[in-house]
């Protein structure tokens, strides 16, 4: 839409103004990147690796999360629930997801699924701790501290691998119960 001044001359167009506003917002976003990047280089000392600290990292990376009743950081993204658990005695952060397995399926079929997932996917480990639970995890050691960037990147890689498992349709017999 073109606007005219009192003498009938063309003035600034509305879309152009919106474009300037958008550029300003984008510019401000890029201005924040050095601060975010600087935080990524932060080393979290071993004694400060806690669920609240991890939650703060994820929130700073614009990843919505909460601390659940078990004290784990809970993230739900793209329909996948992921948890991060800090185990101070072992100096390990465990990133994990859990799915229900159908009770009606045979144990042999469930174990075949677990083996197939472990054979075909890298970086993560699948197991069946009980007949109705499929567990997937990755463990990150943090002895003497951990980079903030490493924690968030580990989560992102974990999520990508798990999503890849779903996309590859490895559950041919539909053993994983849908919520």
C-alpha atoms as a PDB file:
ATOM      1  CA  UNK A   1       0.000   0.000   0.000  1.00  0.00           C
ATOM      2  CA  UNK A   2       1.426   3.324  -1.060  1.00  0.00           C
ATOM      3  CA  UNK A   3       1.003   6.435   1.072  1.00  0.00           C
ATOM      4  CA  UNK A   4       1.051  10.026  -0.157  1.00  0.00           C
ATOM      5  CA  UNK A   5       2.031  13.225   1.612  1.00  0.00           C
ATOM      6  CA  UNK A   6       0.046  16.513   1.452  1.00  0.00           C
ATOM      7  CA  UNK A   7       1.549  17.429  -1.926  1.00  0.00           C
ATOM      8  CA  UNK A   8       0.665  14.044  -3.476  1.00  0.00           C
ATOM      9  CA  UNK A   9       4.198  12.664  -3.396  1.00  0.00           C
ATOM     10  CA  UNK A  10       4.756   8.999  -2.691  1.00  0.00           C
ATOM     11  CA  UNK A  11       6.038   8.301   0.801  1.00  0.00           C
ATOM     12  CA  UNK A  12       7.238   5.123   2.457  1.00  0.00           C
ATOM     13  CA  UNK A  13       5.249   1.998   1.635  1.00  0.00           C
ATOM     14  CA  UNK A  14       3.742  -0.015   4.465  1.00  0.00           C
ATOM     15  CA  UNK A  15       5.363  -3.367   3.435  1.00  0.00           C
ATOM     16  CA  UNK A  16       8.745  -1.616   3.388  1.00  0.00           C
ATOM     17  CA  UNK A  17       8.115  -0.361   6.933  1.00  0.00           C
ATOM     18  CA  UNK A  18       7.192  -3.860   8.060  1.00  0.00           C
ATOM     19  CA  UNK A  19      10.359  -5.103   6.391  1.00  0.00           C
ATOM     20  CA  UNK A  20      12.437  -2.586   8.350  1.00  0.00           C
ATOM     21  CA  UNK A  21      10.805  -3.675  11.586  1.00  0.00           C
ATOM     22  CA  UNK A  22      11.502  -7.303  10.749  1.00  0.00           C
ATOM     23  CA  UNK A  23      15.133  -6.494   9.920  1.00  0.00           C
ATOM     24  CA  UNK A  24      15.480  -4.667  13.222  1.00  0.00           C
ATOM     25  CA  UNK A  25      14.077  -7.665  15.121  1.00  0.00           C
ATOM     26  CA  UNK A  26      16.364 -10.042  13.229  1.00  0.00           C
ATOM     27  CA  UNK A  27      19.299  -7.726  13.905  1.00  0.00           C
ATOM     28  CA  UNK A  28      18.531  -7.748  17.611  1.00  0.00           C
ATOM     29  CA  UNK A  29      18.320 -11.542  17.506  1.00  0.00           C
ATOM     30  CA  UNK A  30      21.749 -11.767  15.887  1.00  0.00           C
ATOM     31  CA  UNK A  31      23.080  -9.296  18.438  1.00  0.00           C
ATOM     32  CA  UNK A  32      22.086 -11.803  21.131  1.00  0.00           C
ATOM     33  CA  UNK A  33      24.007 -14.655  19.451  1.00  0.00           C
ATOM     34  CA  UNK A  34      27.429 -13.699  20.877  1.00  0.00           C
ATOM     35  CA  UNK A  35      25.949 -13.803  24.384  1.00  0.00           C
ATOM     36  CA  UNK A  36      24.421 -17.212  23.721  1.00  0.00           C
ATOM     37  CA  UNK A  37      27.625 -18.443  22.080  1.00  0.00           C
ATOM     38  CA  UNK A  38      29.698 -17.135  24.985  1.00  0.00           C
ATOM     39  CA  UNK A  39      27.504 -19.131  27.368  1.00  0.00           C
ATOM     40  CA  UNK A  40      28.104 -22.233  25.238  1.00  0.00           C
ATOM     41  CA  UNK A  41      31.807 -22.060  26.058  1.00  0.00           C
ATOM     42  CA  UNK A  42      30.983 -22.016  29.745  1.00  0.00           C
ATOM     43  CA  UNK A  43      32.313 -24.969  31.658  1.00  0.00           C
ATOM     44  CA  UNK A  44      29.964 -26.076  34.391  1.00  0.00           C
ATOM     45  CA  UNK A  45      32.097 -27.231  37.307  1.00  0.00           C
ATOM     46  CA  UNK A  46      31.506 -30.787  38.503  1.00  0.00           C
ATOM     47  CA  UNK A  47      29.913 -29.677  41.779  1.00  0.00           C
ATOM     48  CA  UNK A  48      27.436 -27.409  39.924  1.00  0.00           C
ATOM     49  CA  UNK A  49      26.064 -30.058  37.558  1.00  0.00           C
ATOM     50  CA  UNK A  50      22.481 -30.285  38.835  1.00  0.00           C
ATOM     51  CA  UNK A  51      19.011 -30.609  37.328  1.00  0.00           C
ATOM     52  CA  UNK A  52      18.206 -26.906  37.980  1.00  0.00           C
ATOM     53  CA  UNK A  53      21.465 -25.879  36.259  1.00  0.00           C
ATOM     54  CA  UNK A  54      20.672 -28.104  33.257  1.00  0.00           C
ATOM     55  CA  UNK A  55      17.161 -26.687  33.098  1.00  0.00           C
ATOM     56  CA  UNK A  56      18.623 -23.161  33.003  1.00  0.00           C
ATOM     57  CA  UNK A  57      20.905 -24.209  30.115  1.00  0.00           C
ATOM     58  CA  UNK A  58      17.998 -25.532  28.086  1.00  0.00           C
ATOM     59  CA  UNK A  59      15.874 -22.476  28.764  1.00  0.00           C
ATOM     60  CA  UNK A  60      18.785 -20.267  27.622  1.00  0.00           C
ATOM     61  CA  UNK A  61      18.849 -22.331  24.405  1.00  0.00           C
ATOM     62  CA  UNK A  62      15.082 -21.692  23.982  1.00  0.00           C
ATOM     63  CA  UNK A  63      14.170 -25.302  24.762  1.00  0.00           C
ATOM     64  CA  UNK A  64      11.093 -25.552  26.979  1.00  0.00           C
ATOM     65  CA  UNK A  65      11.608 -27.910  29.917  1.00  0.00           C
ATOM     66  CA  UNK A  66      10.719 -28.564  33.535  1.00  0.00           C
ATOM     67  CA  UNK A  67      11.888 -30.600  36.495  1.00  0.00           C
ATOM     68  CA  UNK A  68       9.598 -33.577  37.067  1.00  0.00           C
ATOM     69  CA  UNK A  69       8.573 -35.228  40.339  1.00  0.00           C
ATOM     70  CA  UNK A  70      11.656 -37.515  40.196  1.00  0.00           C
ATOM     71  CA  UNK A  71      14.010 -34.526  39.954  1.00  0.00           C
ATOM     72  CA  UNK A  72      14.860 -35.137  36.278  1.00  0.00           C
ATOM     73  CA  UNK A  73      14.806 -32.458  33.594  1.00  0.00           C
ATOM     74  CA  UNK A  74      11.847 -33.276  31.315  1.00  0.00           C
ATOM     75  CA  UNK A  75      11.688 -32.048  27.721  1.00  0.00           C
ATOM     76  CA  UNK A  76       8.891 -32.796  25.286  1.00  0.00           C
ATOM     77  CA  UNK A  77       9.702 -31.930  21.714  1.00  0.00           C
ATOM     78  CA  UNK A  78       8.262 -33.285  18.455  1.00  0.00           C
ATOM     79  CA  UNK A  79       6.096 -35.701  20.449  1.00  0.00           C
ATOM     80  CA  UNK A  80       9.098 -37.302  22.143  1.00  0.00           C
ATOM     81  CA  UNK A  81       9.529 -37.103  25.900  1.00  0.00           C
ATOM     82  CA  UNK A  82      13.172 -36.968  26.914  1.00  0.00           C
ATOM     83  CA  UNK A  83      14.622 -36.817  30.405  1.00  0.00           C
ATOM     84  CA  UNK A  84      18.029 -35.847  31.750  1.00  0.00           C
ATOM     85  CA  UNK A  85      19.070 -37.331  35.071  1.00  0.00           C
ATOM     86  CA  UNK A  86      22.147 -36.230  37.007  1.00  0.00           C
ATOM     87  CA  UNK A  87      23.863 -38.966  39.034  1.00  0.00           C
ATOM     88  CA  UNK A  88      26.483 -37.144  41.154  1.00  0.00           C
ATOM     89  CA  UNK A  89      28.054 -40.300  42.633  1.00  0.00           C
ATOM     90  CA  UNK A  90      28.906 -41.592  39.159  1.00  0.00           C
ATOM     91  CA  UNK A  91      29.416 -38.126  37.624  1.00  0.00           C
ATOM     92  CA  UNK A  92      27.057 -39.001  34.783  1.00  0.00           C
ATOM     93  CA  UNK A  93      24.216 -37.229  33.010  1.00  0.00           C
ATOM     94  CA  UNK A  94      21.844 -39.810  31.549  1.00  0.00           C
ATOM     95  CA  UNK A  95      19.672 -38.700  28.641  1.00  0.00           C
ATOM     96  CA  UNK A  96      16.779 -41.126  28.228  1.00  0.00           C
ATOM     97  CA  UNK A  97      13.357 -41.784  26.751  1.00  0.00           C
ATOM     98  CA  UNK A  98      10.837 -44.448  27.741  1.00  0.00           C
ATOM     99  CA  UNK A  99       8.016 -46.032  25.751  1.00  0.00           C
ATOM    100  CA  UNK A 100       5.311 -48.517  26.683  1.00  0.00           C
ATOM    101  CA  UNK A 101       5.450 -51.923  25.035  1.00  0.00           C
ATOM    102  CA  UNK A 102       2.188 -53.700  24.344  1.00  0.00           C
ATOM    103  CA  UNK A 103       1.473 -56.353  26.950  1.00  0.00           C
ATOM    104  CA  UNK A 104      -0.124 -58.582  24.319  1.00  0.00           C
ATOM    105  CA  UNK A 105       3.082 -58.840  22.254  1.00  0.00           C
ATOM    106  CA  UNK A 106       5.388 -61.809  22.772  1.00  0.00           C
ATOM    107  CA  UNK A 107       8.562 -61.299  24.766  1.00  0.00           C
ATOM    108  CA  UNK A 108      10.597 -62.770  21.898  1.00  0.00           C
ATOM    109  CA  UNK A 109       9.240 -60.122  19.482  1.00  0.00           C
ATOM    110  CA  UNK A 110       9.993 -57.354  21.980  1.00  0.00           C
ATOM    111  CA  UNK A 111      13.558 -58.581  22.468  1.00  0.00           C
ATOM    112  CA  UNK A 112      14.016 -58.813  18.685  1.00  0.00           C
ATOM    113  CA  UNK A 113      12.923 -55.170  18.427  1.00  0.00           C
ATOM    114  CA  UNK A 114      15.421 -54.143  21.120  1.00  0.00           C
ATOM    115  CA  UNK A 115      18.199 -56.032  19.307  1.00  0.00           C
ATOM    116  CA  UNK A 116      17.251 -54.508  15.960  1.00  0.00           C
ATOM    117  CA  UNK A 117      17.305 -50.984  17.414  1.00  0.00           C
ATOM    118  CA  UNK A 118      20.705 -51.611  19.019  1.00  0.00           C
ATOM    119  CA  UNK A 119      22.091 -53.113  15.796  1.00  0.00           C
ATOM    120  CA  UNK A 120      20.927 -50.315  13.524  1.00  0.00           C
ATOM    121  CA  UNK A 121      21.228 -47.144  15.608  1.00  0.00           C
ATOM    122  CA  UNK A 122      24.443 -45.551  16.799  1.00  0.00           C
ATOM    123  CA  UNK A 123      25.218 -43.691  20.032  1.00  0.00           C
ATOM    124  CA  UNK A 124      22.194 -44.827  22.025  1.00  0.00           C
ATOM    125  CA  UNK A 125      21.390 -47.992  23.927  1.00  0.00           C
ATOM    126  CA  UNK A 126      18.016 -49.721  24.033  1.00  0.00           C
ATOM    127  CA  UNK A 127      16.871 -52.192  26.657  1.00  0.00           C
ATOM    128  CA  UNK A 128      13.713 -53.730  28.053  1.00  0.00           C
ATOM    129  CA  UNK A 129      13.924 -53.398  31.864  1.00  0.00           C
ATOM    130  CA  UNK A 130      10.530 -55.082  32.230  1.00  0.00           C
ATOM    131  CA  UNK A 131       8.041 -56.709  29.820  1.00  0.00           C
ATOM    132  CA  UNK A 132       6.125 -53.479  29.170  1.00  0.00           C
ATOM    133  CA  UNK A 133       8.923 -50.885  28.980  1.00  0.00           C
ATOM    134  CA  UNK A 134      11.321 -49.909  26.189  1.00  0.00           C
ATOM    135  CA  UNK A 135      14.170 -47.739  27.476  1.00  0.00           C
ATOM    136  CA  UNK A 136      16.643 -45.764  25.364  1.00  0.00           C
ATOM    137  CA  UNK A 137      19.575 -43.878  26.855  1.00  0.00           C
ATOM    138  CA  UNK A 138      22.893 -42.165  26.356  1.00  0.00           C
ATOM    139  CA  UNK A 139      25.300 -41.316  29.155  1.00  0.00           C
ATOM    140  CA  UNK A 140      27.515 -38.252  29.299  1.00  0.00           C
ATOM    141  CA  UNK A 141      30.340 -38.231  31.819  1.00  0.00           C
ATOM    142  CA  UNK A 142      31.048 -34.892  33.521  1.00  0.00           C
ATOM    143  CA  UNK A 143      34.086 -35.565  35.725  1.00  0.00           C
ATOM    144  CA  UNK A 144      35.812 -32.199  36.403  1.00  0.00           C
ATOM    145  CA  UNK A 145      32.944 -30.400  34.660  1.00  0.00           C
ATOM    146  CA  UNK A 146      31.159 -30.239  31.322  1.00  0.00           C
ATOM    147  CA  UNK A 147      30.693 -27.652  28.593  1.00  0.00           C
ATOM    148  CA  UNK A 148      27.200 -26.163  28.494  1.00  0.00           C
ATOM    149  CA  UNK A 149      27.240 -26.583  24.718  1.00  0.00           C
ATOM    150  CA  UNK A 150      28.044 -30.281  25.103  1.00  0.00           C
ATOM    151  CA  UNK A 151      24.970 -30.921  27.254  1.00  0.00           C
ATOM    152  CA  UNK A 152      22.557 -29.234  24.843  1.00  0.00           C
ATOM    153  CA  UNK A 153      24.219 -30.792  21.781  1.00  0.00           C
ATOM    154  CA  UNK A 154      24.081 -34.246  23.368  1.00  0.00           C
ATOM    155  CA  UNK A 155      20.339 -33.815  23.879  1.00  0.00           C
ATOM    156  CA  UNK A 156      19.877 -32.648  20.270  1.00  0.00           C
ATOM    157  CA  UNK A 157      21.812 -35.635  18.876  1.00  0.00           C
ATOM    158  CA  UNK A 158      19.873 -38.017  21.136  1.00  0.00           C
ATOM    159  CA  UNK A 159      16.573 -36.560  19.906  1.00  0.00           C
ATOM    160  CA  UNK A 160      17.686 -36.839  16.271  1.00  0.00           C
ATOM    161  CA  UNK A 161      18.638 -40.512  16.699  1.00  0.00           C
ATOM    162  CA  UNK A 162      15.363 -41.362  18.451  1.00  0.00           C
ATOM    163  CA  UNK A 163      13.333 -39.502  15.815  1.00  0.00           C
ATOM    164  CA  UNK A 164      15.300 -41.381  13.167  1.00  0.00           C
ATOM    165  CA  UNK A 165      14.278 -44.668  14.755  1.00  0.00           C
ATOM    166  CA  UNK A 166      10.624 -43.652  14.553  1.00  0.00           C
ATOM    167  CA  UNK A 167      10.978 -42.406  10.978  1.00  0.00           C
ATOM    168  CA  UNK A 168      12.693 -45.625   9.868  1.00  0.00           C
ATOM    169  CA  UNK A 169       9.678 -47.621  11.033  1.00  0.00           C
ATOM    170  CA  UNK A 170      11.775 -50.208  12.835  1.00  0.00           C
ATOM    171  CA  UNK A 171       8.775 -51.304  14.876  1.00  0.00           C
ATOM    172  CA  UNK A 172       7.317 -53.434  12.070  1.00  0.00           C
ATOM    173  CA  UNK A 173       5.078 -55.463  14.395  1.00  0.00           C
ATOM    174  CA  UNK A 174       3.728 -52.352  16.168  1.00  0.00           C
ATOM    175  CA  UNK A 175       5.025 -53.392  19.591  1.00  0.00           C
ATOM    176  CA  UNK A 176       5.348 -49.895  21.000  1.00  0.00           C
ATOM    177  CA  UNK A 177       2.079 -48.807  22.578  1.00  0.00           C
ATOM    178  CA  UNK A 178       0.848 -45.439  21.418  1.00  0.00           C
ATOM    179  CA  UNK A 179      -0.462 -43.025  24.044  1.00  0.00           C
END
